[in-house]
Protein backbone atom coordinates (compact mmCIF):
# COMPACT_ATOMS: atom_id res chain seq x y z
CA MET A 1 91.93 206.73 138.68
CA PRO A 2 90.31 205.57 142.38
CA THR A 3 90.19 208.98 144.58
CA GLU A 4 92.31 209.24 147.80
CA ALA A 5 88.82 208.47 149.60
CA ASN A 6 87.81 205.11 147.87
CA LYS A 7 91.39 204.63 148.75
CA LYS A 8 90.57 204.37 152.44
CA GLN A 9 87.44 203.42 152.08
CA SER A 10 88.92 200.28 150.71
CA HIS A 11 91.50 200.38 153.60
CA ILE A 12 88.67 200.43 156.16
CA ILE A 13 86.94 197.61 154.61
CA THR A 14 89.89 195.27 154.42
CA ILE A 15 90.57 195.98 157.96
CA ILE A 16 86.86 195.40 158.90
CA VAL A 17 87.02 192.19 156.64
CA SER A 18 90.34 191.09 158.93
CA ILE A 19 88.98 191.71 162.18
CA THR A 20 85.76 189.67 161.51
CA ALA A 21 87.39 186.93 159.83
CA VAL A 22 89.79 186.82 163.16
CA ILE A 23 86.58 187.07 165.18
CA VAL A 24 84.67 183.98 163.06
CA SER A 25 87.74 182.17 164.00
CA VAL A 26 88.00 182.38 167.81
CA ALA A 27 84.09 181.97 168.05
CA GLN A 28 84.31 178.44 165.91
CA LEU A 29 87.71 177.70 168.72
CA VAL A 30 85.69 178.58 171.76
CA ILE A 31 82.58 177.14 170.12
CA MET A 32 85.04 173.81 169.27
CA HIS A 33 86.18 174.18 173.03
CA SER A 34 83.01 174.35 174.55
CA GLU A 35 81.98 171.29 172.64
CA ILE A 36 85.17 169.10 173.70
CA LYS A 37 84.77 170.07 177.44
CA LEU A 38 81.25 169.08 177.06
CA ASN A 39 82.05 165.62 175.35
CA GLU A 40 84.37 164.93 178.22
CA THR A 41 81.77 165.54 180.51
CA ILE A 42 79.49 163.56 179.00
CA HIS A 43 82.24 160.78 178.54
CA THR A 44 83.18 160.95 182.41
CA GLN A 45 79.43 160.58 183.48
CA GLU A 46 78.74 157.58 181.29
CA MET A 47 82.18 156.09 182.83
CA ARG A 48 80.87 156.93 186.17
CA PHE A 49 77.51 155.29 185.20
CA HIS A 50 78.59 151.82 183.74
CA ALA A 51 81.17 151.77 186.60
CA GLU A 52 78.32 151.89 189.25
CA GLN A 53 76.35 149.63 187.25
CA ASN A 54 79.29 146.89 187.02
CA ARG A 55 79.83 147.61 190.76
CA ARG A 56 75.88 147.03 191.24
CA GLN A 57 76.12 143.82 189.72
CA TRP A 58 79.00 142.54 191.07
CA MET A 59 77.35 143.23 194.82
CA LEU A 60 74.17 141.28 193.16
CA ASP A 61 76.46 138.18 191.91
CA ALA A 62 78.34 138.26 195.40
CA THR A 63 75.03 137.96 197.22
CA LYS A 64 73.90 135.31 195.12
CA PHE A 65 76.90 133.76 195.60
CA VAL A 66 76.52 133.68 199.67
CA LEU A 67 73.05 132.50 199.10
CA GLU A 68 73.38 129.25 197.20
CA ASN A 69 76.92 128.72 199.53
CA ARG A 70 75.61 129.91 202.82
CA ASN A 71 75.47 126.07 204.31
CA SER A 72 79.08 126.19 203.75
CA LEU A 73 79.58 129.19 205.25
CA PHE A 74 77.92 129.50 208.20
CA GLU A 75 77.12 125.23 209.04
CA CYS A 76 80.48 123.42 207.66
CA GLU A 77 83.30 122.95 209.92
CA ASP A 78 85.88 125.96 209.66
CA GLU A 79 88.38 125.12 207.28
CA GLU A 80 85.34 124.11 204.22
CA SER A 81 84.29 127.79 205.35
CA LYS A 82 87.64 129.18 204.89
CA GLN A 83 87.99 127.69 202.01
CA VAL A 84 84.82 129.13 200.73
CA VAL A 85 86.19 132.51 201.79
CA GLN A 86 89.09 132.39 199.86
CA LEU A 87 87.64 131.40 196.66
CA MET A 88 85.10 134.73 197.23
CA ASN A 89 88.47 136.60 197.81
CA GLY A 90 89.62 135.41 194.50
CA MET A 91 86.48 135.81 192.26
CA PHE A 92 84.98 139.27 193.23
CA PRO A 93 87.06 142.51 192.93
CA ASP A 94 88.38 144.03 195.87
CA GLU A 95 85.80 146.78 196.73
CA VAL A 96 83.53 144.41 196.56
CA PHE A 97 85.13 141.52 198.70
CA SER A 98 85.95 144.53 201.37
CA ARG A 99 82.13 145.59 201.58
CA VAL A 100 80.61 141.80 201.53
CA SER A 101 83.38 140.57 204.24
CA VAL A 102 82.44 143.32 206.31
CA ILE A 103 78.63 142.14 206.67
CA MET A 104 79.45 138.31 206.54
CA GLU A 105 82.70 138.94 209.46
CA SER A 106 79.89 140.39 211.46
CA THR A 107 77.32 137.79 211.30
CA SER A 108 79.48 134.49 211.24
CA ARG A 109 79.51 132.92 214.69
CA LYS A 110 82.70 131.16 213.99
CA ALA A 111 85.69 133.06 215.49
CA GLY A 112 88.24 131.35 212.96
CA VAL A 113 85.96 132.21 210.10
CA GLN A 114 85.73 135.80 210.93
CA ASN A 115 89.41 136.35 211.28
CA GLU A 116 89.74 134.98 207.76
CA TRP A 117 87.28 137.35 206.08
CA ARG A 118 88.88 140.64 208.07
CA ARG A 119 92.87 139.01 207.36
CA LEU A 120 91.74 138.63 203.41
CA ARG A 121 90.21 142.22 203.61
CA ARG A 122 92.87 143.99 205.23
CA ALA A 123 95.73 142.38 202.88
CA LYS A 124 94.04 144.15 199.94
CA TYR A 125 95.06 147.51 201.45
CA SER A 126 98.23 149.41 200.97
CA ILE A 127 99.40 151.96 204.06
CA GLN A 128 101.57 154.37 203.23
CA TYR A 129 103.26 156.58 205.91
CA PHE A 130 105.01 159.30 205.05
CA ILE A 131 108.31 160.37 207.09
CA LYS A 132 108.30 163.13 209.44
CA LYS A 133 111.30 163.36 212.14
CA LYS A 134 108.97 164.14 215.08
CA ASP A 135 106.74 160.70 214.40
CA GLU A 136 109.21 158.60 212.87
CA ILE A 137 109.91 156.40 215.61
CA ASN A 138 106.32 156.39 217.02
CA TRP A 139 105.58 155.29 213.77
CA LYS A 140 107.72 151.81 213.73
CA GLY A 141 106.08 150.71 216.75
CA ALA A 142 102.80 151.61 214.44
CA SER A 143 103.71 149.60 211.69
CA GLN A 144 104.63 146.73 213.82
CA LEU A 145 101.31 146.49 215.53
CA LEU A 146 99.84 147.02 212.26
CA ARG A 147 100.93 144.07 210.44
CA LYS A 148 100.39 142.09 213.54
CA GLU A 149 96.36 143.56 213.20
CA GLY A 150 96.67 142.07 209.50
CA PHE A 151 97.47 145.17 207.34
CA HIS A 152 99.62 145.51 204.69
CA VAL A 153 102.17 148.22 205.70
CA LEU A 154 104.33 149.68 202.70
CA GLU A 155 107.57 151.30 203.44
CA PRO A 156 108.03 154.87 204.46
CA GLN A 157 108.00 157.06 201.58
CA GLU A 158 110.38 160.12 201.42
CA THR A 159 108.86 163.32 201.20
CA GLY A 160 110.52 167.70 200.56
CA LEU A 161 109.20 167.98 204.09
CA THR A 162 110.87 165.29 206.06
CA ASP A 163 112.54 167.68 208.84
CA ILE A 164 109.32 169.43 208.94
CA VAL A 165 108.75 170.32 212.78
CA PHE A 166 105.14 169.22 212.82
CA GLY A 167 104.35 165.04 212.89
CA ASN A 168 101.57 163.85 210.45
CA ASN A 169 98.21 164.51 211.55
CA SER A 170 95.57 162.96 209.32
CA ILE A 171 94.55 160.08 207.70
CA VAL A 172 93.10 159.94 204.32
CA TYR A 173 91.66 156.62 202.73
CA GLY A 174 89.90 155.03 199.56
CA GLU A 175 86.66 154.44 198.95
CA GLY A 176 87.44 150.26 199.12
CA VAL A 177 88.39 150.90 202.54
CA ASN A 178 86.05 149.78 205.42
CA ILE A 179 85.30 152.55 208.20
CA GLU A 180 86.01 150.07 210.54
CA ASP A 181 89.26 149.56 209.60
CA VAL A 182 90.01 153.22 209.30
CA LYS A 183 89.35 153.42 213.25
CA GLU A 184 91.28 150.66 213.83
CA ILE A 185 94.49 152.38 212.34
CA ALA A 186 93.66 155.79 214.10
CA HIS A 187 93.16 153.77 217.67
CA VAL A 188 96.68 151.97 216.73
CA ILE A 189 98.58 155.48 215.68
CA LEU A 190 97.27 157.16 218.79
CA ALA A 191 98.16 153.91 221.14
CA ALA A 192 101.78 154.60 219.53
CA GLY A 193 102.08 158.39 220.51
CA MET A 194 101.18 159.80 217.25
CA GLU A 195 99.15 162.86 216.95
CA LEU A 196 95.78 162.65 214.66
CA LYS A 197 94.01 165.54 213.95
CA SER A 198 91.82 164.67 210.90
CA ILE A 199 89.72 161.37 209.11
CA SER A 200 88.49 161.56 205.76
CA PRO A 201 88.11 160.01 201.99
CA PHE A 202 90.39 160.93 199.38
CA ARG A 203 88.69 163.93 197.42
CA ASP A 204 89.50 162.49 194.13
CA ARG A 205 88.19 158.82 193.83
CA SER A 206 89.89 156.79 191.43
CA GLU A 207 91.17 153.15 190.78
CA GLN A 208 95.08 154.08 192.17
CA ASN A 209 93.81 155.07 195.27
CA LEU A 210 91.03 152.73 195.86
CA SER A 211 92.41 150.57 198.56
CA GLU A 212 94.95 152.96 199.99
CA ILE A 213 95.39 154.42 202.80
CA GLN A 214 98.02 157.52 203.52
CA ILE A 215 99.34 158.78 207.17
CA LEU A 216 100.61 162.18 206.31
CA TYR A 217 100.79 166.20 207.25
CA MET A 218 97.69 168.53 205.91
CA ARG A 219 98.14 172.13 206.67
CA THR A 220 94.39 172.09 206.55
CA SER A 221 94.23 170.23 209.72
CA HIS A 222 97.07 172.06 211.49
CA ASN A 223 95.11 173.98 213.87
CA MET A 224 92.27 171.39 214.65
CA PRO A 225 92.70 169.91 217.67
CA ILE A 226 93.89 166.41 218.54
CA CYS A 227 92.23 163.58 218.51
CA SER A 228 91.51 161.33 221.80
CA HIS A 229 90.60 157.56 221.21
CA ASP A 230 86.97 158.60 222.33
CA ASP A 231 87.12 161.42 219.61
CA ILE A 232 88.02 158.93 216.53
CA ASP A 233 84.32 157.30 217.26
CA GLU A 234 82.34 160.66 217.34
CA ARG A 235 84.28 162.03 214.72
CA ILE A 236 83.86 159.45 212.13
CA ASN A 237 79.94 159.30 213.44
CA SER A 238 79.67 163.01 212.94
CA LEU A 239 80.34 162.64 209.06
CA ILE A 240 78.05 159.20 208.90
CA ASP A 241 75.04 161.25 210.62
CA SER A 242 75.87 164.24 208.48
CA ASP A 243 75.57 161.91 205.24
CA TYR A 244 79.17 163.00 204.47
CA LEU A 245 79.43 158.58 204.52
CA SER A 246 76.95 155.83 204.19
CA ARG A 247 76.98 153.50 206.71
CA ASP A 248 79.41 151.26 205.15
CA GLY A 249 82.21 153.97 205.17
CA ARG A 250 81.85 154.73 201.66
CA ARG A 251 81.51 159.25 200.71
CA ARG A 252 77.68 159.59 199.29
CA SER A 253 79.15 161.52 196.26
CA TRP A 254 82.22 162.56 194.68
């Protein structure tokens, strides 16, 4: 018959085996979770790499198209040039067309064609204003001016902070939005009597916010000084000079 000591020893061994099994299971779960996270990170990096490759290829294709049609774009009558611009608008992704249109608008010698580049680019943006009682009336005037300038302005959106005593104070925008157009929006907002304290790209780049511009209240901007018209260009240039933005307004890294 097993002695009392043997029984205790057997019981201890059983406990040790059970604890070891639990530790092994937990370790396996940790390893599995780490592998999943690693795979997700690799997949995300691969997606970004392929997206950047596609973007570069589209830009090369757009450059080639411009070179092949340079006579129509620069030498022909306005109507023919506008038709080529409209064709590009339908052929290329919004972000690519936006970047090309800024360059073409500045190099074109014909005012009508310049306006067409600008009109088609701005029509791709979506400007979303979040309702605040303090500046709601001012926004009505600003939105009318922005529409006259060719921007696509969405209907104001309700939030849980509608009654907050502070007005909106910030502009955030997607990577596909040209910085010169952001400046134009900022100047219009100030001219309408609204306050502006910060201008920045979205923190998280996505296909959903690529061409989106939001006018909203940000707590992190609350204690910043209010922008004047002169401040707008200075703040954008300071972002560019600090390498936060590239010259075309895109954030360098996400």
